[in-house]
Amino acid sequence: MDAVLEDFCLESPGQKFILTGLNCMPEFAKDGFWKVKNKYGKTKGIMCWYGEIFYETQDRPLTEYHRISIEFADSVWGRYYQVLVRTEKHDNEIITRLLVNSVSFSDGYKLDNNEKNWYYLQHRLNTICQKYLPSSKYETPSSNPTRQALNGLTGKERTDRKYQILRDELDSALNTSETLEDLVEQLYADGYDCNIAPRLKNWTITPKGMQRGVRLDRLGENYSKRSIEIRLANNLMEKEKQANS
C-alpha cells in the first residue's frame, strides 16, 4: 500500500493535475491510512480500492472536472472513508483517479459490495454529471414518469399514489433479490436512487426524477428495515432449499 500511495501522489514533470484528500491530507495520506487500519486491527487483506473516471468532454477547466470528481467521491465514501482524488490531463484525456482506504475511519467497517456496486457508482456519477456536463449520455430525461403519474393529484391522494409506486417498485425488486446488494443493484438499474446499507438506521428511496427521498418505514410495516431483511433472508433460504431439493 505504501508504494501505491507514494506513486499516487507523485508529481509527473509537465503533467497538470489536481490532488485533494477527503478526510485526510494528501501529504500525510500514508500515515493517515495506516493509523485507521491499526486502530481497528485491520491490516491485512485488501488495503485500498482504486478506480478511474474518464471524461468524454474536455471543454471545461481541469478544476471543474475535479470538482465533479470530489462531489462524486464525497457522496459515495465521504461520511466514512479516507479518499484521495487526483484529476489530471494525460494524452489529451481528462482522467480522475480515486484511491479509497478499505477501512472506515468512523467505525472500522471494511468497504463492501454495496459501495463498490457498479450500478450504484454509475448512478451516483451520472446524477452529478447531469448538473455540470449536459450531454446525450448524462442528459436528464425530458419526461418524468413519477411526476406524470402524480399529475393532477394533491394532498393525501398524491402522497398515497407516490407511496404505492414505491411499494410496487420495492416489491418487484425484492422478488428477485436475496441480498441487500441485489436489492440496491436492482433499484439503481430501474432508475431509482436509494440509501440502503446495514449500518444506516433509516433507509430511503427516491422516486424517479425527484430529489427528496422517502423513508422506507413510512411505506408500511412490510417495508421497514427489519421486514426487508427478513424478506431477503427468506428469499435466500428458498433459493438454497430449491438448490438442495
Protein backbone atom coordinates (compact mmCIF):
# COMPACT_ATOMS: atom_id res chain seq x y z
CA MET A 1 0.00 0.00 0.00
CA ASP A 2 2.85 2.41 0.77
CA ALA A 3 4.22 2.26 -2.78
CA VAL A 4 0.73 2.75 -4.24
CA LEU A 5 0.12 5.84 -2.12
CA GLU A 6 3.52 7.32 -2.91
CA ASP A 7 3.03 6.76 -6.64
CA PHE A 8 -0.50 8.16 -6.48
CA CYS A 9 0.74 11.47 -5.05
CA LEU A 10 3.86 11.66 -7.22
CA GLU A 11 4.28 14.72 -9.42
CA SER A 12 4.98 13.97 -13.08
CA PRO A 13 7.09 16.54 -14.97
CA GLY A 14 4.96 18.63 -17.33
CA GLN A 15 1.71 17.00 -16.26
CA LYS A 16 -1.13 19.14 -15.00
CA PHE A 17 -3.02 17.60 -12.11
CA ILE A 18 -5.03 18.49 -9.02
CA LEU A 19 -4.88 16.35 -5.88
CA THR A 20 -7.35 16.54 -3.00
CA GLY A 21 -7.86 14.40 0.07
CA LEU A 22 -11.23 13.68 1.67
CA ASN A 23 -10.89 13.06 5.42
CA CYS A 24 -7.12 13.13 5.01
CA MET A 25 -4.29 15.36 3.81
CA PRO A 26 -2.54 14.08 0.65
CA GLU A 27 0.96 14.74 2.02
CA PHE A 28 0.15 12.65 5.12
CA ALA A 29 -2.19 10.12 3.49
CA LYS A 30 0.08 7.11 4.05
CA ASP A 31 0.30 7.73 7.79
CA GLY A 32 -3.43 8.52 7.94
CA PHE A 33 -4.45 5.32 6.15
CA TRP A 34 -2.24 3.18 8.41
CA LYS A 35 -3.46 4.95 11.55
CA VAL A 36 -7.05 3.92 10.79
CA LYS A 37 -6.09 0.33 9.94
CA ASN A 38 -4.01 -0.06 13.10
CA LYS A 39 -6.73 1.48 15.25
CA TYR A 40 -9.21 -1.23 14.25
CA GLY A 41 -6.67 -4.04 13.82
CA LYS A 42 -7.43 -4.46 10.11
CA THR A 43 -4.01 -4.50 8.49
CA LYS A 44 -4.45 -7.47 6.14
CA GLY A 45 -6.49 -8.30 3.08
CA ILE A 46 -7.50 -5.63 0.59
CA MET A 47 -5.80 -2.42 1.67
CA CYS A 48 -7.27 0.12 -0.78
CA TRP A 49 -9.75 0.37 -3.61
CA TYR A 50 -8.75 2.09 -6.84
CA GLY A 51 -10.94 3.50 -9.59
CA GLU A 52 -10.81 5.82 -12.58
CA ILE A 53 -13.22 8.24 -14.24
CA PHE A 54 -12.69 9.12 -17.91
CA TYR A 55 -14.45 12.28 -19.07
CA GLU A 56 -15.60 12.35 -22.68
CA THR A 57 -15.70 16.13 -22.92
CA GLN A 58 -12.64 18.35 -22.49
CA ASP A 59 -14.13 21.81 -22.92
CA ARG A 60 -14.08 22.73 -19.24
CA PRO A 61 -11.24 23.79 -16.92
CA LEU A 62 -9.47 20.97 -15.12
CA THR A 63 -10.75 22.44 -11.84
CA GLU A 64 -14.36 21.83 -12.87
CA TYR A 65 -13.79 18.15 -13.66
CA HIS A 66 -12.01 17.86 -10.34
CA ARG A 67 -14.96 19.43 -8.53
CA ILE A 68 -17.30 16.87 -10.12
CA SER A 69 -14.98 14.05 -9.04
CA ILE A 70 -14.78 15.34 -5.47
CA GLU A 71 -18.56 15.66 -5.22
CA PHE A 72 -18.92 12.11 -6.51
CA ALA A 73 -16.35 10.67 -4.09
CA ASP A 74 -17.79 12.61 -1.18
CA SER A 75 -21.34 11.41 -1.91
CA VAL A 76 -20.23 7.76 -2.02
CA TRP A 77 -17.49 7.48 0.61
CA GLY A 78 -17.15 10.86 2.33
CA ARG A 79 -19.02 10.02 5.52
CA TYR A 80 -16.87 7.03 6.43
CA TYR A 81 -13.71 6.65 4.37
CA GLN A 82 -10.48 8.44 3.50
CA VAL A 83 -10.24 9.15 -0.21
CA LEU A 84 -7.58 10.62 -2.48
CA VAL A 85 -8.92 12.28 -5.62
CA ARG A 86 -6.48 13.10 -8.43
CA THR A 87 -7.66 14.72 -11.67
CA GLU A 88 -5.17 15.11 -14.50
CA LYS A 89 -4.84 15.73 -18.20
CA HIS A 90 -2.98 12.87 -19.82
CA ASP A 91 -2.50 12.40 -23.58
CA ASN A 92 -5.39 14.78 -24.29
CA GLU A 93 -7.69 12.90 -21.89
CA ILE A 94 -9.21 14.09 -18.63
CA ILE A 95 -8.88 11.35 -16.04
CA THR A 96 -9.71 11.24 -12.35
CA ARG A 97 -8.03 8.58 -10.23
CA LEU A 98 -9.61 7.57 -6.93
CA LEU A 99 -7.89 5.77 -4.07
CA VAL A 100 -10.06 4.73 -1.11
CA ASN A 101 -8.88 3.33 2.22
CA SER A 102 -10.62 -0.02 2.64
CA VAL A 103 -11.22 0.60 6.38
CA SER A 104 -13.66 3.22 7.66
CA PHE A 105 -12.20 5.84 9.99
CA SER A 106 -15.64 6.14 11.59
CA ASP A 107 -16.33 2.58 12.72
CA GLY A 108 -13.69 0.25 11.25
CA TYR A 109 -16.17 -1.16 8.75
CA LYS A 110 -14.46 -2.56 5.64
CA LEU A 111 -15.64 -1.30 2.27
CA ASP A 112 -18.14 -3.85 0.99
CA ASN A 113 -20.00 -4.72 -2.19
CA ASN A 114 -22.70 -2.14 -1.61
CA GLU A 115 -20.28 0.77 -2.02
CA LYS A 116 -18.38 -0.99 -4.81
CA ASN A 117 -21.53 -1.99 -6.67
CA TRP A 118 -21.22 -0.97 -10.33
CA TYR A 119 -24.79 0.24 -10.72
CA TYR A 120 -24.53 2.29 -7.55
CA LEU A 121 -21.34 4.05 -8.60
CA GLN A 122 -22.53 4.60 -12.14
CA HIS A 123 -25.83 6.06 -11.00
CA ARG A 124 -24.21 8.41 -8.50
CA LEU A 125 -21.74 9.68 -11.10
CA ASN A 126 -24.43 10.15 -13.75
CA THR A 127 -26.60 12.08 -11.32
CA ILE A 128 -23.79 14.51 -10.53
CA CYS A 129 -22.71 14.87 -14.16
CA GLN A 130 -26.27 15.85 -15.10
CA LYS A 131 -25.71 19.05 -13.14
CA TYR A 132 -22.38 20.02 -14.68
CA LEU A 133 -21.90 18.25 -18.02
CA PRO A 134 -25.12 18.23 -20.07
CA SER A 135 -24.74 15.69 -22.87
CA SER A 136 -26.66 12.91 -24.53
CA LYS A 137 -25.16 10.43 -22.07
CA TYR A 138 -25.94 12.34 -18.89
CA GLU A 139 -28.99 14.29 -20.00
CA THR A 140 -31.95 14.29 -17.65
CA PRO A 141 -34.97 12.68 -19.37
CA SER A 142 -37.45 15.26 -20.65
CA SER A 143 -40.34 13.29 -19.19
CA ASN A 144 -40.63 12.47 -15.51
CA PRO A 145 -42.54 9.20 -15.02
CA THR A 146 -43.22 9.78 -11.34
CA ARG A 147 -44.49 13.33 -11.79
CA GLN A 148 -46.63 12.23 -14.73
CA ALA A 149 -48.25 9.57 -12.55
CA LEU A 150 -48.90 12.19 -9.85
CA ASN A 151 -50.15 14.87 -12.25
CA GLY A 152 -53.38 16.48 -11.01
CA LEU A 153 -53.18 14.86 -7.58
CA THR A 154 -52.78 16.86 -4.38
CA GLY A 155 -52.51 16.32 -0.64
CA LYS A 156 -53.11 12.85 0.75
CA GLU A 157 -54.18 11.44 -2.61
CA ARG A 158 -50.86 12.48 -4.15
CA THR A 159 -48.84 11.06 -1.24
CA ASP A 160 -50.77 7.77 -1.29
CA ARG A 161 -50.17 7.38 -5.02
CA LYS A 162 -46.45 8.15 -4.71
CA TYR A 163 -46.07 5.67 -1.86
CA GLN A 164 -47.87 2.98 -3.87
CA ILE A 165 -45.49 3.49 -6.80
CA LEU A 166 -42.56 2.99 -4.43
CA ARG A 167 -44.16 -0.09 -2.81
CA ASP A 168 -44.68 -1.65 -6.25
CA GLU A 169 -41.04 -0.98 -7.20
CA LEU A 170 -39.72 -2.40 -3.93
CA ASP A 171 -41.90 -5.49 -4.20
CA SER A 172 -40.69 -6.09 -7.74
CA ALA A 173 -37.03 -5.65 -6.74
CA LEU A 174 -37.42 -7.79 -3.61
CA ASN A 175 -38.95 -10.63 -5.60
CA THR A 176 -35.66 -11.11 -7.44
CA SER A 177 -33.22 -10.30 -4.63
CA GLU A 178 -31.55 -12.46 -1.98
CA THR A 179 -29.18 -9.86 -0.52
CA LEU A 180 -29.07 -6.11 0.12
CA GLU A 181 -26.55 -5.82 -2.71
CA ASP A 182 -29.03 -7.47 -5.07
CA LEU A 183 -31.77 -5.09 -3.96
CA VAL A 184 -29.65 -1.95 -4.37
CA GLU A 185 -28.44 -3.10 -7.78
CA GLN A 186 -31.99 -3.73 -8.97
CA LEU A 187 -33.26 -0.38 -7.72
CA TYR A 188 -30.45 1.52 -9.44
CA ALA A 189 -30.92 -0.50 -12.62
CA ASP A 190 -34.59 0.56 -12.57
CA GLY A 191 -33.60 4.22 -12.22
CA TYR A 192 -34.27 4.73 -8.51
CA ASP A 193 -31.85 6.36 -6.12
CA CYS A 194 -31.65 4.81 -2.66
CA ASN A 195 -29.70 4.93 0.57
CA ILE A 196 -29.66 1.36 1.85
CA ALA A 197 -26.80 -0.15 3.86
CA PRO A 198 -26.61 -2.30 7.03
CA ARG A 199 -25.09 0.45 9.15
CA LEU A 200 -27.82 3.01 8.38
CA LYS A 201 -30.70 3.35 10.82
CA ASN A 202 -33.18 4.75 8.30
CA TRP A 203 -33.30 3.53 4.70
CA THR A 204 -34.63 5.75 1.93
CA ILE A 205 -35.68 5.52 -1.71
CA THR A 206 -36.01 8.46 -4.09
CA PRO A 207 -38.74 8.42 -6.78
CA LYS A 208 -37.57 8.69 -10.38
CA GLY A 209 -36.77 12.25 -11.39
CA MET A 210 -37.29 13.64 -7.90
CA GLN A 211 -34.80 14.99 -5.37
CA ARG A 212 -36.31 14.16 -1.99
CA GLY A 213 -36.13 10.62 -0.68
CA VAL A 214 -38.80 8.74 1.27
CA ARG A 215 -38.05 6.66 4.34
CA LEU A 216 -38.96 3.04 3.66
CA ASP A 217 -40.66 2.54 7.02
CA ARG A 218 -43.20 5.22 6.02
CA LEU A 219 -44.41 2.94 3.25
CA GLY A 220 -45.78 0.46 5.78
CA GLU A 221 -44.68 -2.25 8.20
CA ASN A 222 -43.67 -4.59 5.37
CA TYR A 223 -41.04 -2.08 4.21
CA SER A 224 -39.21 -1.38 7.45
CA LYS A 225 -35.50 -2.21 7.65
CA ARG A 226 -36.20 -5.33 9.69
CA SER A 227 -39.03 -6.52 7.42
CA ILE A 228 -36.90 -6.14 4.30
CA GLU A 229 -34.01 -8.02 5.90
CA ILE A 230 -36.41 -10.86 6.75
CA ARG A 231 -37.84 -10.93 3.23
CA LEU A 232 -34.37 -11.13 1.73
CA ALA A 233 -33.34 -13.88 4.16
CA ASN A 234 -36.47 -15.86 3.26
CA ASN A 235 -35.68 -15.46 -0.44
CA LEU A 236 -32.17 -16.76 0.14
CA MET A 237 -33.39 -19.75 2.16
CA GLU A 238 -35.94 -20.58 -0.52
CA LYS A 239 -33.25 -20.45 -3.19
CA GLU A 240 -30.97 -22.74 -1.17
CA LYS A 241 -33.88 -25.09 -0.49
CA GLN A 242 -34.63 -25.36 -4.20
CA ALA A 243 -30.96 -25.94 -4.99
CA ASN A 244 -30.82 -28.82 -2.50
CA SER A 245 -34.11 -30.44 -3.49
